[in-house]
Amino acid sequence: METNLFSEMNLSNEMKRAIEALGFEEATSIQAESIPLIMSGRDVIGHSQTGTGKTAAFSIPAIENIDMTKGRGVQVLILCPTRELAVQACEEIKKFAKYKRSIKVVPIFGGQQIDRQFMALRQGPQIVVGTPGRVMDHMRRGTLNLTNLSMVVLDEADEMLSMGFREDIETIMKETSEDRQTILFSATMSKEIMQITKTYQKDPKIIKITPKQLTVPSIEQLYYEVPRGKKIEVLSRLLDIYTPKRSIIFCNTKRMVDELVNELQLHGYSSRGLHGDMKQSARTQIMNSFKKGDIDILVATDVAARGIDVDNIEAVFNYDIPQDIEYYVHRIGRTGRAGKEGRSFTFVTGRREIFELMDIQKFTNSKIQLKAIPSFDAVMEIRSHQFINEVKKTISSGELNKYNTIVDALLDEFTTLEVSAALIKMLMSKDGKDDTLKKSDDAIFAAGIGRGRHDRGDRGQGIRKRQRGGDSNSSAGSSRKPRRGSDDNMTNLSINIGKKNHVAVNHILGAVAGESGLPGKTFGRIEIFDRYTLIAVPKEHADTVLETMKGCKIMGTRTSIKKA
């Protein structure tokens, strides 16, 4: 894969500064091909999967092409299938527009107070990110003026069509100028997608990114669901359990590389960082030390890791999930070379990253196995064995007589057992690694396993669903027993969808858990009636569920939810 540095692209200084602040060095394949074309005004069809960085592929040129001489008014309209994606896209665009002070970005979607959106639109944003239904609503009300519109982006077009938004999209497109630039991104290229492109695009350039297949069967690929803020703890446990002699840890940004190296060094691990901000002489020195074995752990960005040619790397850690599926292939290919076995460990946090990893698994045709985070006791047992072996080696080496006087002095006041235990405690904590380990974290890690892998309705097709003790096979009308709490701690919420809509327990649970972000085991009994469904929710989470479920679709039907 060729190197495509953002610093070498024809971008404004403000944009390069924003990209630098985010810590990104290299554009992904879809970004490298799309950004110049979109900036030139060309219509583009981006055919790529999730996890390839396509939001930046259209948001960077969209920001760069804003014409400030036009004053206020929407110049770029970005349509997304769900409010979650709309919010995510909006947040990312704001990061890239950070140093272009006069550019405003506004998200509009269902479930948010429309008065707040009226106020935001009256401020004259140049970029609007929204879901088709809410965009149409504002167009009908006259609160969204598209007179100055120059670009329309259809993000995840296949998802919007599968969710029944085709008519909405066509209505919106017909209200825009024929001179607009139209950008379309889709994971699949169905007949419906091609009809949309033929109708609304002019001589589009198709950019197809095909993820590479893995050719390294000797690599054991594992992943861990890690709670936010606990990555360094999990990393420490894995390093101590597997004890790789030489390993590479990949981070997405230069800033993260520096922070992680500091953490690892504080906790007693021999590590150094490698990224694009370092002078070539320093990088060469670090690489030579790594090859000679003077450094056990190399922490690097994808760009900086190019040129690493070391055969005996035993483990690769994806501390951050890769920005591009192809990066995953390049990363884990660093281990398992020359016929040797290797391991890759990937950390994922939250629902979004779970699904990104499932996409990586699907499109690289590889099996990535979910593993439980090693317990505190398991790590301490490993450390104990290691320490015992070191003591045995020291005793076997001899030359201990000169320490006898110190031992005799201690034995005058304490027993042999007390002296031995004290020395062991001092030596095992001297490297600082015990500071990282917390037995209390075991409960957090255990609760986190499986969190986030919820059925997302239409968006969940082809993704492995979480096992719910048989709930996935439940028929409409069945109920689900509470998993936690008593009836006094629960409250019933009513959803206006039932047997007549052909829904099952797993549809309801998947949607509610997926939208709220709460684990499936949080919820209690689910009872499906002809026209509505009751779901038991812990009282402390009821308001969260009510707010996040506003306007949600279940099995293609827009629902409403209220307290029963």
Foldseek 3Di string as FASTA:
>chain_A
DDFAFPVPDPADPLLVVLCVVVFATTQFPLLSVQQVCVLVLFAAEEAADPLRQVLCSPLRSLLRPDDCVVPFAAAEEEADAALVVLVVSQVVSCSSCVRVVVADEEEWEFLDPVVVVLVSLVVRHHYYGYHLVRVVVCVVVVSHDQPNYAEYEYEQVVSNVVLPCPVSVVVVLVPHDLNHHYYYYHNDCDPSNVVVCVVRHDPYDYDYDAAAAAPQVLEAFAEAADEPPQLLLLVLLVCLLVVWLAEEEEDARPVVQVVSQVVCQLQQAQEDEFEDVDDPVVLVVVLVCRQVSVGRYYYYYLVRCPPNDHARHAEYEHSDDHSRLNSVNVRRVNYNPPVRHHYYYYYDYAQVRLVVVQVSCVSNVHDYHYDQRDAPVSSVVSLVVVVVVVVVVVVVVDPCVVCVVVVVVVVVPDPPVVVVVVVVVCVSCVSNNVVSDDNVCNVVRVVSVQQNQFQQAPVNPPGDHDDDPCQVVFFFFDKFAQLDDDPVQKFKKKKFAAVCLRDGPSLVLRNLCNQLSNGSNQWGMWGGDHGMIITIHGPVCVVSSQSSLRQDDGNSRGMHMDTD
